[in-house]
Amino acid sequence: QVQLVESGGGLVQPGGSLRLSCAGSGIIFSRYHLNWYRQAPEKQRELVAQITSGGIATYVEPVKGRFTISRDNAKNTLYLQMNNLKPQDTAVYFCNAAHQSYGTIYWGQGTQVTVSS
């Protein structure tokens, strides 16, 4: 059974930092492109950052320079380091794994990030 479990969310003040983790089981992490998405209240889920199976990272413009995506295939874990957080970063953050060849997709259950003073 495949599971992706996010952790590390919480309440943080503007300008603060959080590190999200996504622990995977039941899949060979190294064969998957990994993604972080987020969904704010009453908004559609949106892509935040991607890291390919080969380790190439890309980011959407609003988070460039503030967020860093990384992966540890040996630990089957995906990370998202978030610095200089802003209230508009408030959302539920989801990790996503997409097989590099077959396109099979798995989702985690999400972790809440709230940026507020």
C-alpha atoms as a PDB file:
ATOM      1  CA  GLN A   1       0.000   0.000   0.000  1.00  0.00           C
ATOM      2  CA  VAL A   2       1.361   3.380  -1.030  1.00  0.00           C
ATOM      3  CA  GLN A   3       1.362   6.150   1.533  1.00  0.00           C
ATOM      4  CA  LEU A   4       2.620   9.722   1.474  1.00  0.00           C
ATOM      5  CA  VAL A   5       2.499  11.426   4.860  1.00  0.00           C
ATOM      6  CA  GLU A   6       3.197  15.138   5.243  1.00  0.00           C
ATOM      7  CA  SER A   7       4.348  16.746   8.458  1.00  0.00           C
ATOM      8  CA  GLY A   8       5.875  19.987   9.686  1.00  0.00           C
ATOM      9  CA  GLY A   9       2.992  22.381   9.181  1.00  0.00           C
ATOM     10  CA  GLY A  10       1.819  24.826  11.802  1.00  0.00           C
ATOM     11  CA  LEU A  11       1.285  28.444  12.756  1.00  0.00           C
ATOM     12  CA  VAL A  12       4.112  30.864  12.086  1.00  0.00           C
ATOM     13  CA  GLN A  13       4.476  34.630  12.075  1.00  0.00           C
ATOM     14  CA  PRO A  14       5.184  36.525   8.850  1.00  0.00           C
ATOM     15  CA  GLY A  15       8.875  36.333   8.064  1.00  0.00           C
ATOM     16  CA  GLY A  16       9.216  33.007   9.826  1.00  0.00           C
ATOM     17  CA  SER A  17      10.254  29.606   8.518  1.00  0.00           C
ATOM     18  CA  LEU A  18       8.890  26.085   8.386  1.00  0.00           C
ATOM     19  CA  ARG A  19      10.215  22.850   6.969  1.00  0.00           C
ATOM     20  CA  LEU A  20       7.692  20.423   5.575  1.00  0.00           C
ATOM     21  CA  SER A  21       8.446  16.744   5.144  1.00  0.00           C
ATOM     22  CA  CYS A  22       6.702  14.072   3.114  1.00  0.00           C
ATOM     23  CA  ALA A  23       7.541  10.499   4.019  1.00  0.00           C
ATOM     24  CA  GLY A  24       6.762   7.886   1.411  1.00  0.00           C
ATOM     25  CA  SER A  25       6.232   4.154   1.719  1.00  0.00           C
ATOM     26  CA  GLY A  26       5.249   1.453  -0.738  1.00  0.00           C
ATOM     27  CA  ILE A  27       7.010   3.089  -3.692  1.00  0.00           C
ATOM     28  CA  ILE A  28      10.587   3.453  -4.904  1.00  0.00           C
ATOM     29  CA  PHE A  29      11.054   7.185  -4.409  1.00  0.00           C
ATOM     30  CA  SER A  30      13.925   7.503  -6.858  1.00  0.00           C
ATOM     31  CA  ARG A  31      11.631   6.580  -9.766  1.00  0.00           C
ATOM     32  CA  TYR A  32       9.201   9.409  -9.094  1.00  0.00           C
ATOM     33  CA  HIS A  33       9.064  13.097  -9.836  1.00  0.00           C
ATOM     34  CA  LEU A  34       8.002  14.778  -6.614  1.00  0.00           C
ATOM     35  CA  ASN A  35       5.897  17.879  -6.155  1.00  0.00           C
ATOM     36  CA  TRP A  36       4.512  20.185  -3.520  1.00  0.00           C
ATOM     37  CA  TYR A  37       1.082  21.688  -4.079  1.00  0.00           C
ATOM     38  CA  ARG A  38      -0.984  23.972  -1.893  1.00  0.00           C
ATOM     39  CA  GLN A  39      -4.633  24.867  -1.605  1.00  0.00           C
ATOM     40  CA  ALA A  40      -5.844  28.009   0.109  1.00  0.00           C
ATOM     41  CA  PRO A  41      -9.450  28.370   1.312  1.00  0.00           C
ATOM     42  CA  GLU A  42     -11.865  28.741  -1.604  1.00  0.00           C
ATOM     43  CA  LYS A  43      -9.042  28.493  -4.134  1.00  0.00           C
ATOM     44  CA  GLN A  44      -7.903  25.796  -6.500  1.00  0.00           C
ATOM     45  CA  ARG A  45      -4.967  23.577  -5.663  1.00  0.00           C
ATOM     46  CA  GLU A  46      -1.801  24.975  -7.209  1.00  0.00           C
ATOM     47  CA  LEU A  47       1.679  23.691  -7.863  1.00  0.00           C
ATOM     48  CA  VAL A  48       4.374  25.219  -5.663  1.00  0.00           C
ATOM     49  CA  ALA A  49       7.580  23.358  -6.497  1.00  0.00           C
ATOM     50  CA  GLN A  50       8.790  20.305  -8.371  1.00  0.00           C
ATOM     51  CA  ILE A  51      11.875  18.130  -8.202  1.00  0.00           C
ATOM     52  CA  THR A  52      12.435  15.567 -10.895  1.00  0.00           C
ATOM     53  CA  SER A  53      13.686  12.043 -10.355  1.00  0.00           C
ATOM     54  CA  GLY A  54      17.035  13.405 -11.537  1.00  0.00           C
ATOM     55  CA  GLY A  55      17.050  16.164  -8.940  1.00  0.00           C
ATOM     56  CA  ILE A  56      16.144  19.197 -11.044  1.00  0.00           C
ATOM     57  CA  ALA A  57      14.068  21.680  -9.048  1.00  0.00           C
ATOM     58  CA  THR A  58      11.661  24.310 -10.326  1.00  0.00           C
ATOM     59  CA  TYR A  59       9.440  26.792  -8.518  1.00  0.00           C
ATOM     60  CA  VAL A  60       6.466  28.976  -9.208  1.00  0.00           C
ATOM     61  CA  GLU A  61       7.251  32.680  -9.238  1.00  0.00           C
ATOM     62  CA  PRO A  62       5.633  33.653  -5.904  1.00  0.00           C
ATOM     63  CA  VAL A  63       7.922  31.333  -3.932  1.00  0.00           C
ATOM     64  CA  LYS A  64      11.176  31.686  -5.848  1.00  0.00           C
ATOM     65  CA  GLY A  65      14.027  32.667  -3.575  1.00  0.00           C
ATOM     66  CA  ARG A  66      12.031  31.771  -0.459  1.00  0.00           C
ATOM     67  CA  PHE A  67      11.236  28.055  -0.793  1.00  0.00           C
ATOM     68  CA  THR A  68      13.624  25.172  -1.418  1.00  0.00           C
ATOM     69  CA  ILE A  69      12.501  21.706  -2.445  1.00  0.00           C
ATOM     70  CA  SER A  70      14.784  18.751  -1.838  1.00  0.00           C
ATOM     71  CA  ARG A  71      14.631  14.976  -1.661  1.00  0.00           C
ATOM     72  CA  ASP A  72      16.405  12.146   0.108  1.00  0.00           C
ATOM     73  CA  ASN A  73      15.766   8.978  -1.865  1.00  0.00           C
ATOM     74  CA  ALA A  74      17.542   6.820   0.704  1.00  0.00           C
ATOM     75  CA  LYS A  75      15.022   7.978   3.306  1.00  0.00           C
ATOM     76  CA  ASN A  76      12.089   8.100   0.876  1.00  0.00           C
ATOM     77  CA  THR A  77      11.465  11.646   2.027  1.00  0.00           C
ATOM     78  CA  LEU A  78      10.640  14.900   0.268  1.00  0.00           C
ATOM     79  CA  TYR A  79      11.202  18.287   1.897  1.00  0.00           C
ATOM     80  CA  LEU A  80      10.091  21.854   1.450  1.00  0.00           C
ATOM     81  CA  GLN A  81      12.067  24.510   3.308  1.00  0.00           C
ATOM     82  CA  MET A  82       9.972  27.658   3.478  1.00  0.00           C
ATOM     83  CA  ASN A  83      11.595  30.919   4.539  1.00  0.00           C
ATOM     84  CA  ASN A  84      10.313  34.478   4.799  1.00  0.00           C
ATOM     85  CA  LEU A  85       6.771  33.210   4.938  1.00  0.00           C
ATOM     86  CA  LYS A  86       3.942  35.569   4.028  1.00  0.00           C
ATOM     87  CA  PRO A  87       0.238  35.514   4.944  1.00  0.00           C
ATOM     88  CA  GLN A  88      -0.555  34.597   1.335  1.00  0.00           C
ATOM     89  CA  ASP A  89       1.381  31.357   1.832  1.00  0.00           C
ATOM     90  CA  THR A  90      -1.367  30.176   4.171  1.00  0.00           C
ATOM     91  CA  ALA A  91      -2.780  26.956   2.742  1.00  0.00           C
ATOM     92  CA  VAL A  92      -2.927  23.207   3.091  1.00  0.00           C
ATOM     93  CA  TYR A  93       0.251  21.810   1.553  1.00  0.00           C
ATOM     94  CA  PHE A  94       0.188  18.464  -0.243  1.00  0.00           C
ATOM     95  CA  CYS A  95       2.971  16.306  -1.562  1.00  0.00           C
ATOM     96  CA  ASN A  96       2.548  14.415  -4.803  1.00  0.00           C
ATOM     97  CA  ALA A  97       4.544  11.659  -6.477  1.00  0.00           C
ATOM     98  CA  ALA A  98       4.319  10.997 -10.211  1.00  0.00           C
ATOM     99  CA  HIS A  99       6.086   7.992 -11.735  1.00  0.00           C
ATOM    100  CA  GLN A 100       8.757   9.083 -14.171  1.00  0.00           C
ATOM    101  CA  SER A 101       7.587   6.653 -16.874  1.00  0.00           C
ATOM    102  CA  TYR A 102       4.083   5.427 -16.156  1.00  0.00           C
ATOM    103  CA  GLY A 103       2.476   8.606 -14.864  1.00  0.00           C
ATOM    104  CA  THR A 104       0.993   6.941 -11.805  1.00  0.00           C
ATOM    105  CA  ILE A 105       0.203   9.636  -9.253  1.00  0.00           C
ATOM    106  CA  TYR A 106      -0.099   9.496  -5.490  1.00  0.00           C
ATOM    107  CA  TRP A 107      -1.132  12.220  -3.044  1.00  0.00           C
ATOM    108  CA  GLY A 108      -0.584  12.825   0.629  1.00  0.00           C
ATOM    109  CA  GLN A 109      -3.327  13.955   2.980  1.00  0.00           C
ATOM    110  CA  GLY A 110      -1.960  17.470   3.444  1.00  0.00           C
ATOM    111  CA  THR A 111      -0.565  19.593   6.259  1.00  0.00           C
ATOM    112  CA  GLN A 112      -1.870  23.008   7.279  1.00  0.00           C
ATOM    113  CA  VAL A 113       0.420  26.032   7.129  1.00  0.00           C
ATOM    114  CA  THR A 114      -0.895  29.252   8.641  1.00  0.00           C
ATOM    115  CA  VAL A 115       1.084  32.478   8.448  1.00  0.00           C
ATOM    116  CA  SER A 116      -0.352  35.088  10.754  1.00  0.00           C
ATOM    117  CA  SER A 117       0.669  37.596  13.395  1.00  0.00           C
END
